[in-house]
PDB file of N, CA and C in Angstrom:
ATOM      1  N   UNK A   1      -1.339   6.525 -13.711  1.00  0.00           N
ATOM      2  CA  UNK A   1      -0.606   6.475 -12.458  1.00  0.00           C
ATOM      3  C   UNK A   1      -2.232   7.060 -12.015  1.00  0.00           C
ATOM      4  N   UNK A   2      -2.125   6.041 -10.320  1.00  0.00           N
ATOM      5  CA  UNK A   2      -3.678   6.305  -9.714  1.00  0.00           C
ATOM      6  C   UNK A   2      -3.140   7.299  -8.654  1.00  0.00           C
ATOM      7  N   UNK A   3      -4.067   8.262  -8.208  1.00  0.00           N
ATOM      8  CA  UNK A   3      -3.745   9.071  -7.603  1.00  0.00           C
ATOM      9  C   UNK A   3      -3.964   8.473  -5.670  1.00  0.00           C
ATOM     10  N   UNK A   4      -2.643   9.070  -5.184  1.00  0.00           N
ATOM     11  CA  UNK A   4      -2.162   8.779  -4.324  1.00  0.00           C
ATOM     12  C   UNK A   4      -0.985   7.716  -4.028  1.00  0.00           C
ATOM     13  N   UNK A   5      -0.388   7.225  -5.265  1.00  0.00           N
ATOM     14  CA  UNK A   5       0.392   6.344  -5.428  1.00  0.00           C
ATOM     15  C   UNK A   5       0.799   5.212  -6.359  1.00  0.00           C
ATOM     16  N   UNK A   6       1.543   4.695  -6.740  1.00  0.00           N
ATOM     17  CA  UNK A   6       1.576   3.900  -7.864  1.00  0.00           C
ATOM     18  C   UNK A   6       0.876   2.386  -7.107  1.00  0.00           C
ATOM     19  N   UNK A   7       0.747   1.347  -7.768  1.00  0.00           N
ATOM     20  CA  UNK A   7       0.629  -0.222  -7.756  1.00  0.00           C
ATOM     21  C   UNK A   7       1.797  -0.845  -6.779  1.00  0.00           C
ATOM     22  N   UNK A   8       2.929  -0.204  -7.331  1.00  0.00           N
ATOM     23  CA  UNK A   8       4.114  -0.709  -7.040  1.00  0.00           C
ATOM     24  C   UNK A   8       4.196  -0.123  -4.968  1.00  0.00           C
ATOM     25  N   UNK A   9       3.616   0.976  -4.727  1.00  0.00           N
ATOM     26  CA  UNK A   9       3.548   1.510  -3.427  1.00  0.00           C
ATOM     27  C   UNK A   9       3.073   0.862  -2.572  1.00  0.00           C
ATOM     28  N   UNK A  10       1.623   0.744  -3.175  1.00  0.00           N
ATOM     29  CA  UNK A  10       0.839  -0.160  -2.056  1.00  0.00           C
ATOM     30  C   UNK A  10       0.840  -1.200  -2.317  1.00  0.00           C
ATOM     31  N   UNK A  11       1.533  -2.249  -2.843  1.00  0.00           N
ATOM     32  CA  UNK A  11       1.980  -3.560  -2.302  1.00  0.00           C
ATOM     33  C   UNK A  11       2.630  -3.356  -1.377  1.00  0.00           C
ATOM     34  N   UNK A  12       4.079  -2.769  -1.885  1.00  0.00           N
ATOM     35  CA  UNK A  12       5.234  -2.236  -0.459  1.00  0.00           C
ATOM     36  C   UNK A  12       4.144  -2.325   0.812  1.00  0.00           C
ATOM     37  N   UNK A  13       3.354  -1.203   0.590  1.00  0.00           N
ATOM     38  CA  UNK A  13       2.555  -1.022   1.795  1.00  0.00           C
ATOM     39  C   UNK A  13       2.089  -2.227   2.437  1.00  0.00           C
ATOM     40  N   UNK A  14       1.362  -3.160   1.657  1.00  0.00           N
ATOM     41  CA  UNK A  14       0.567  -4.002   2.170  1.00  0.00           C
ATOM     42  C   UNK A  14       1.297  -5.182   2.561  1.00  0.00           C
ATOM     43  N   UNK A  15       2.499  -5.285   1.972  1.00  0.00           N
ATOM     44  CA  UNK A  15       3.610  -6.386   2.590  1.00  0.00           C
ATOM     45  C   UNK A  15       4.145  -5.934   3.975  1.00  0.00           C
ATOM     46  N   UNK A  16       4.619  -4.612   3.738  1.00  0.00           N
ATOM     47  CA  UNK A  16       5.216  -4.269   5.152  1.00  0.00           C
ATOM     48  C   UNK A  16       4.051  -4.143   6.411  1.00  0.00           C
ATOM     49  N   UNK A  17       2.407  -4.220   6.039  1.00  0.00           N
ATOM     50  CA  UNK A  17       1.615  -4.310   7.347  1.00  0.00           C
ATOM     51  C   UNK A  17       1.470  -6.031   7.548  1.00  0.00           C
ATOM     52  N   UNK A  18       1.463  -6.615   6.186  1.00  0.00           N
ATOM     53  CA  UNK A  18       1.233  -7.963   6.350  1.00  0.00           C
ATOM     54  C   UNK A  18       2.548  -8.609   7.449  1.00  0.00           C
ATOM     55  N   UNK A  19       3.662  -8.313   6.924  1.00  0.00           N
ATOM     56  CA  UNK A  19       4.977  -9.253   7.553  1.00  0.00           C
ATOM     57  C   UNK A  19       4.885  -8.155   9.517  1.00  0.00           C
ATOM     58  N   UNK A  20       4.580  -7.045   9.241  1.00  0.00           N
ATOM     59  CA  UNK A  20       4.546  -6.147  10.787  1.00  0.00           C
ATOM     60  C   UNK A  20       3.315  -7.557  11.689  1.00  0.00           C
ATOM     61  N   UNK A  21       2.377  -7.418  11.215  1.00  0.00           N
ATOM     62  CA  UNK A  21       1.203  -8.025  11.675  1.00  0.00           C
ATOM     63  C   UNK A  21       1.995  -9.479  12.107  1.00  0.00           C
ATOM     64  N   UNK A  22       2.649 -10.158  11.351  1.00  0.00           N
ATOM     65  CA  UNK A  22       3.009 -11.812  11.707  1.00  0.00           C
ATOM     66  C   UNK A  22       4.129 -11.463  12.391  1.00  0.00           C
ATOM     67  N   UNK A  23       5.058 -10.635  12.496  1.00  0.00           N
ATOM     68  CA  UNK A  23       6.256 -10.361  13.224  1.00  0.00           C
ATOM     69  C   UNK A  23       5.776 -10.141  14.953  1.00  0.00           C
ATOM     70  N   UNK A  24       4.390  -9.330  14.834  1.00  0.00           N
ATOM     71  CA  UNK A  24       3.503  -8.920  16.586  1.00  0.00           C
ATOM     72  C   UNK A  24       2.935 -10.387  16.620  1.00  0.00           C
ATOM     73  N   UNK A  25       2.532 -11.360  16.067  1.00  0.00           N
ATOM     74  CA  UNK A  25       2.122 -12.514  16.065  1.00  0.00           C
ATOM     75  C   UNK A  25       3.072 -13.434  16.753  1.00  0.00           C
ATOM     76  N   UNK A  26       4.131 -13.430  15.874  1.00  0.00           N
ATOM     77  CA  UNK A  26       4.992 -14.472  16.511  1.00  0.00           C
ATOM     78  C   UNK A  26       5.631 -14.006  17.963  1.00  0.00           C
ATOM     79  N   UNK A  27       5.803 -12.746  17.865  1.00  0.00           N
ATOM     80  CA  UNK A  27       6.388 -12.218  19.453  1.00  0.00           C
ATOM     81  C   UNK A  27       5.139 -12.828  20.567  1.00  0.00           C
ATOM     82  N   UNK A  28       3.932 -12.389  20.059  1.00  0.00           N
ATOM     83  CA  UNK A  28       2.953 -12.457  21.231  1.00  0.00           C
ATOM     84  C   UNK A  28       3.134 -14.240  21.363  1.00  0.00           C
ATOM     85  N   UNK A  29       2.748 -15.089  20.461  1.00  0.00           N
ATOM     86  CA  UNK A  29       2.387 -16.226  20.457  1.00  0.00           C
ATOM     87  C   UNK A  29       3.284 -17.037  19.373  1.00  0.00           C
ATOM     88  N   UNK A  30       4.571 -17.434  20.204  1.00  0.00           N
ATOM     89  CA  UNK A  30       5.408 -18.218  19.303  1.00  0.00           C
ATOM     90  C   UNK A  30       4.792 -19.719  18.892  1.00  0.00           C
ATOM     91  N   UNK A  31       3.544 -19.985  19.602  1.00  0.00           N
ATOM     92  CA  UNK A  31       3.295 -21.337  19.244  1.00  0.00           C
ATOM     93  C   UNK A  31       2.531 -21.436  18.019  1.00  0.00           C
ATOM     94  N   UNK A  32       1.937 -20.192  17.373  1.00  0.00           N
ATOM     95  CA  UNK A  32       0.914 -20.455  16.319  1.00  0.00           C
ATOM     96  C   UNK A  32       1.737 -21.511  15.061  1.00  0.00           C
ATOM     97  N   UNK A  33       2.647 -21.591  14.875  1.00  0.00           N
ATOM     98  CA  UNK A  33       3.607 -22.115  13.886  1.00  0.00           C
ATOM     99  C   UNK A  33       3.140 -24.138  14.004  1.00  0.00           C
ATOM    100  N   UNK A  34       3.037 -23.864  15.426  1.00  0.00           N
ATOM    101  CA  UNK A  34       2.881 -25.532  15.651  1.00  0.00           C
ATOM    102  C   UNK A  34       1.210 -25.684  15.293  1.00  0.00           C
ATOM    103  N   UNK A  35       0.513 -24.829  15.587  1.00  0.00           N
ATOM    104  CA  UNK A  35      -0.794 -25.113  15.882  1.00  0.00           C
ATOM    105  C   UNK A  35      -1.216 -24.967  14.272  1.00  0.00           C
ATOM    106  N   UNK A  36      -0.626 -24.079  13.490  1.00  0.00           N
ATOM    107  CA  UNK A  36      -1.246 -24.003  11.927  1.00  0.00           C
ATOM    108  C   UNK A  36      -0.614 -25.311  11.348  1.00  0.00           C
ATOM    109  N   UNK A  37       0.506 -25.856  11.759  1.00  0.00           N
ATOM    110  CA  UNK A  37       1.128 -27.003  10.849  1.00  0.00           C
ATOM    111  C   UNK A  37       0.900 -28.174  11.854  1.00  0.00           C
ATOM    112  N   UNK A  38       0.784 -28.245  12.908  1.00  0.00           N
ATOM    113  CA  UNK A  38       0.602 -29.304  13.623  1.00  0.00           C
ATOM    114  C   UNK A  38       1.956 -30.523  14.008  1.00  0.00           C
ATOM    115  N   UNK A  39       2.903 -29.242  13.637  1.00  0.00           N
ATOM    116  CA  UNK A  39       4.601 -29.877  13.479  1.00  0.00           C
ATOM    117  C   UNK A  39       4.952 -29.044  14.554  1.00  0.00           C
ATOM    118  N   UNK A  40       6.134 -29.955  15.224  1.00  0.00           N
ATOM    119  CA  UNK A  40       7.164 -28.746  15.994  1.00  0.00           C
ATOM    120  C   UNK A  40       8.461 -28.744  15.148  1.00  0.00           C
ATOM    121  N   UNK A  41       8.699 -28.026  14.249  1.00  0.00           N
ATOM    122  CA  UNK A  41      10.084 -28.400  13.582  1.00  0.00           C
ATOM    123  C   UNK A  41      11.102 -28.702  14.420  1.00  0.00           C
ATOM    124  N   UNK A  42      11.590 -27.703  15.462  1.00  0.00           N
ATOM    125  CA  UNK A  42      12.658 -27.462  16.228  1.00  0.00           C
ATOM    126  C   UNK A  42      12.637 -28.012  17.522  1.00  0.00           C
ATOM    127  N   UNK A  43      11.626 -29.001  17.784  1.00  0.00           N
ATOM    128  CA  UNK A  43      11.358 -29.759  18.539  1.00  0.00           C
ATOM    129  C   UNK A  43      11.325 -29.145  20.042  1.00  0.00           C
ATOM    130  N   UNK A  44      10.750 -27.829  19.773  1.00  0.00           N
ATOM    131  CA  UNK A  44       9.941 -26.937  21.128  1.00  0.00           C
ATOM    132  C   UNK A  44      10.577 -26.178  21.753  1.00  0.00           C
ATOM    133  N   UNK A  45      12.002 -26.334  20.846  1.00  0.00           N
ATOM    134  CA  UNK A  45      13.002 -25.285  21.885  1.00  0.00           C
ATOM    135  C   UNK A  45      12.559 -23.996  21.340  1.00  0.00           C
ATOM    136  N   UNK A  46      12.171 -23.352  20.383  1.00  0.00           N
ATOM    137  CA  UNK A  46      11.957 -21.926  20.049  1.00  0.00           C
ATOM    138  C   UNK A  46      12.682 -21.445  19.146  1.00  0.00           C
ATOM    139  N   UNK A  47      13.562 -21.925  18.719  1.00  0.00           N
ATOM    140  CA  UNK A  47      14.707 -21.401  17.748  1.00  0.00           C
ATOM    141  C   UNK A  47      13.882 -20.825  16.493  1.00  0.00           C
ATOM    142  N   UNK A  48      13.094 -21.928  15.955  1.00  0.00           N
ATOM    143  CA  UNK A  48      12.695 -21.408  14.749  1.00  0.00           C
ATOM    144  C   UNK A  48      11.819 -20.231  14.893  1.00  0.00           C
ATOM    145  N   UNK A  49      10.965 -20.335  15.805  1.00  0.00           N
ATOM    146  CA  UNK A  49      10.376 -18.759  16.216  1.00  0.00           C
ATOM    147  C   UNK A  49      10.843 -17.592  15.821  1.00  0.00           C
ATOM    148  N   UNK A  50      12.293 -17.706  16.687  1.00  0.00           N
ATOM    149  CA  UNK A  50      13.235 -16.877  17.178  1.00  0.00           C
ATOM    150  C   UNK A  50      13.910 -16.083  15.673  1.00  0.00           C
ATOM    151  N   UNK A  51      13.871 -17.226  14.945  1.00  0.00           N
ATOM    152  CA  UNK A  51      14.754 -16.769  13.412  1.00  0.00           C
ATOM    153  C   UNK A  51      13.298 -16.543  12.623  1.00  0.00           C
ATOM    154  N   UNK A  52      12.203 -16.778  12.731  1.00  0.00           N
ATOM    155  CA  UNK A  52      11.334 -16.349  12.181  1.00  0.00           C
ATOM    156  C   UNK A  52      10.996 -14.872  12.581  1.00  0.00           C
ATOM    157  N   UNK A  53      11.122 -14.329  13.521  1.00  0.00           N
ATOM    158  CA  UNK A  53      10.837 -12.897  14.570  1.00  0.00           C
ATOM    159  C   UNK A  53      11.543 -12.212  13.577  1.00  0.00           C
ATOM    160  N   UNK A  54      13.101 -12.676  13.354  1.00  0.00           N
ATOM    161  CA  UNK A  54      14.133 -11.825  13.068  1.00  0.00           C
ATOM    162  C   UNK A  54      14.036 -11.478  11.832  1.00  0.00           C
ATOM    163  N   UNK A  55      13.645 -12.747  10.688  1.00  0.00           N
ATOM    164  CA  UNK A  55      13.426 -12.385   9.155  1.00  0.00           C
ATOM    165  C   UNK A  55      12.158 -11.704   9.037  1.00  0.00           C
ATOM    166  N   UNK A  56      11.308 -11.676   9.713  1.00  0.00           N
ATOM    167  CA  UNK A  56      10.175 -10.904   9.783  1.00  0.00           C
ATOM    168  C   UNK A  56      10.143  -9.280  10.021  1.00  0.00           C
ATOM    169  N   UNK A  57      11.237  -9.059  10.996  1.00  0.00           N
ATOM    170  CA  UNK A  57      11.556  -8.057  11.531  1.00  0.00           C
ATOM    171  C   UNK A  57      12.224  -7.380  10.070  1.00  0.00           C
ATOM    172  N   UNK A  58      13.220  -8.191   9.662  1.00  0.00           N
ATOM    173  CA  UNK A  58      13.998  -7.675   8.222  1.00  0.00           C
ATOM    174  C   UNK A  58      13.180  -7.290   7.046  1.00  0.00           C
ATOM    175  N   UNK A  59      12.363  -8.468   7.093  1.00  0.00           N
ATOM    176  CA  UNK A  59      11.438  -7.881   6.045  1.00  0.00           C
ATOM    177  C   UNK A  59      10.331  -6.697   6.295  1.00  0.00           C
ATOM    178  N   UNK A  60      10.051  -6.301   7.393  1.00  0.00           N
ATOM    179  CA  UNK A  60       9.031  -5.212   7.305  1.00  0.00           C
ATOM    180  C   UNK A  60       9.963  -4.017   7.320  1.00  0.00           C
ATOM    181  N   UNK A  61      11.016  -4.057   7.842  1.00  0.00           N
ATOM    182  CA  UNK A  61      12.120  -2.730   7.505  1.00  0.00           C
ATOM    183  C   UNK A  61      12.067  -2.350   6.069  1.00  0.00           C
ATOM    184  N   UNK A  62      12.530  -3.479   5.560  1.00  0.00           N
ATOM    185  CA  UNK A  62      12.732  -3.495   4.016  1.00  0.00           C
ATOM    186  C   UNK A  62      11.773  -3.226   3.172  1.00  0.00           C
ATOM    187  N   UNK A  63      10.330  -3.467   3.388  1.00  0.00           N
ATOM    188  CA  UNK A  63       9.125  -3.281   2.730  1.00  0.00           C
ATOM    189  C   UNK A  63       8.885  -1.787   3.178  1.00  0.00           C
ATOM    190  N   UNK A  64       8.989  -1.364   4.437  1.00  0.00           N
ATOM    191  CA  UNK A  64       9.094   0.060   4.550  1.00  0.00           C
ATOM    192  C   UNK A  64       9.367   0.998   4.193  1.00  0.00           C
ATOM    193  N   UNK A  65      10.844   0.595   4.111  1.00  0.00           N
ATOM    194  CA  UNK A  65      11.675   1.737   3.529  1.00  0.00           C
ATOM    195  C   UNK A  65      11.529   1.754   1.460  1.00  0.00           C
ATOM    196  N   UNK A  66      11.095   0.467   1.363  1.00  0.00           N
ATOM    197  CA  UNK A  66      10.821   0.460  -0.152  1.00  0.00           C
ATOM    198  C   UNK A  66       9.516   1.451  -0.392  1.00  0.00           C
ATOM    199  N   UNK A  67       8.781   1.303   0.497  1.00  0.00           N
ATOM    200  CA  UNK A  67       7.492   2.081  -0.013  1.00  0.00           C
ATOM    201  C   UNK A  67       7.385   3.469   0.227  1.00  0.00           C
ATOM    202  N   UNK A  68       8.315   3.996   1.095  1.00  0.00           N
ATOM    203  CA  UNK A  68       8.754   5.391   1.718  1.00  0.00           C
ATOM    204  C   UNK A  68       9.458   5.951   0.512  1.00  0.00           C
ATOM    205  N   UNK A  69      10.577   5.118   0.112  1.00  0.00           N
ATOM    206  CA  UNK A  69      11.500   5.570  -0.976  1.00  0.00           C
ATOM    207  C   UNK A  69      10.644   5.782  -2.295  1.00  0.00           C
ATOM    208  N   UNK A  70       9.552   4.821  -2.565  1.00  0.00           N
ATOM    209  CA  UNK A  70       8.456   5.186  -3.817  1.00  0.00           C
ATOM    210  C   UNK A  70       7.881   6.335  -3.641  1.00  0.00           C
ATOM    211  N   UNK A  71       7.402   6.530  -2.222  1.00  0.00           N
ATOM    212  CA  UNK A  71       6.559   7.444  -1.923  1.00  0.00           C
ATOM    213  C   UNK A  71       7.206   8.596  -2.201  1.00  0.00           C
ATOM    214  N   UNK A  72       8.743   9.047  -1.797  1.00  0.00           N
ATOM    215  CA  UNK A  72       9.547   9.992  -1.878  1.00  0.00           C
ATOM    216  C   UNK A  72       9.608  10.469  -3.492  1.00  0.00           C
ATOM    217  N   UNK A  73       9.910   9.266  -4.234  1.00  0.00           N
ATOM    218  CA  UNK A  73       9.667   9.388  -5.776  1.00  0.00           C
ATOM    219  C   UNK A  73       8.612  10.130  -6.304  1.00  0.00           C
ATOM    220  N   UNK A  74       7.859   9.807  -5.945  1.00  0.00           N
ATOM    221  CA  UNK A  74       6.816  10.098  -6.589  1.00  0.00           C
ATOM    222  C   UNK A  74       6.454  11.607  -6.066  1.00  0.00           C
ATOM    223  N   UNK A  75       6.872  11.969  -5.330  1.00  0.00           N
ATOM    224  CA  UNK A  75       6.564  13.192  -4.503  1.00  0.00           C
ATOM    225  C   UNK A  75       7.363  14.470  -4.881  1.00  0.00           C
ATOM    226  N   UNK A  76       8.432  14.000  -5.690  1.00  0.00           N
ATOM    227  CA  UNK A  76       9.585  14.495  -6.167  1.00  0.00           C
ATOM    228  C   UNK A  76       9.085  15.059  -7.697  1.00  0.00           C
ATOM    229  N   UNK A  77       8.607  13.574  -8.622  1.00  0.00           N
ATOM    230  CA  UNK A  77       7.965  13.707  -9.930  1.00  0.00           C
ATOM    231  C   UNK A  77       7.060  14.336 -10.016  1.00  0.00           C
ATOM    232  N   UNK A  78       5.833  15.076  -8.873  1.00  0.00           N
ATOM    233  CA  UNK A  78       4.922  15.863  -8.348  1.00  0.00           C
ATOM    234  C   UNK A  78       5.375  17.258  -8.641  1.00  0.00           C
ATOM    235  N   UNK A  79       6.499  17.906  -8.195  1.00  0.00           N
ATOM    236  CA  UNK A  79       6.811  19.235  -7.653  1.00  0.00           C
ATOM    237  C   UNK A  79       7.631  19.479  -8.976  1.00  0.00           C
TER     238      UNK A  79
END
């Protein structure tokens, strides 16, 4: 085991950070999908972007809670 946490913990933290960053990016600039892909799959009405915001929020909360549970499990094992 690495000092400060397991590989699983760090993967969960990294995924939480990535999804949180994409969540904020999508809230600030919902056109990044059209800019990146060059298409507007929802016809420009923004419904896809709002769905992505919801999915990213759920993913961020899930990865954060998983990392927290892993951290607590590691702390309990050390004492």
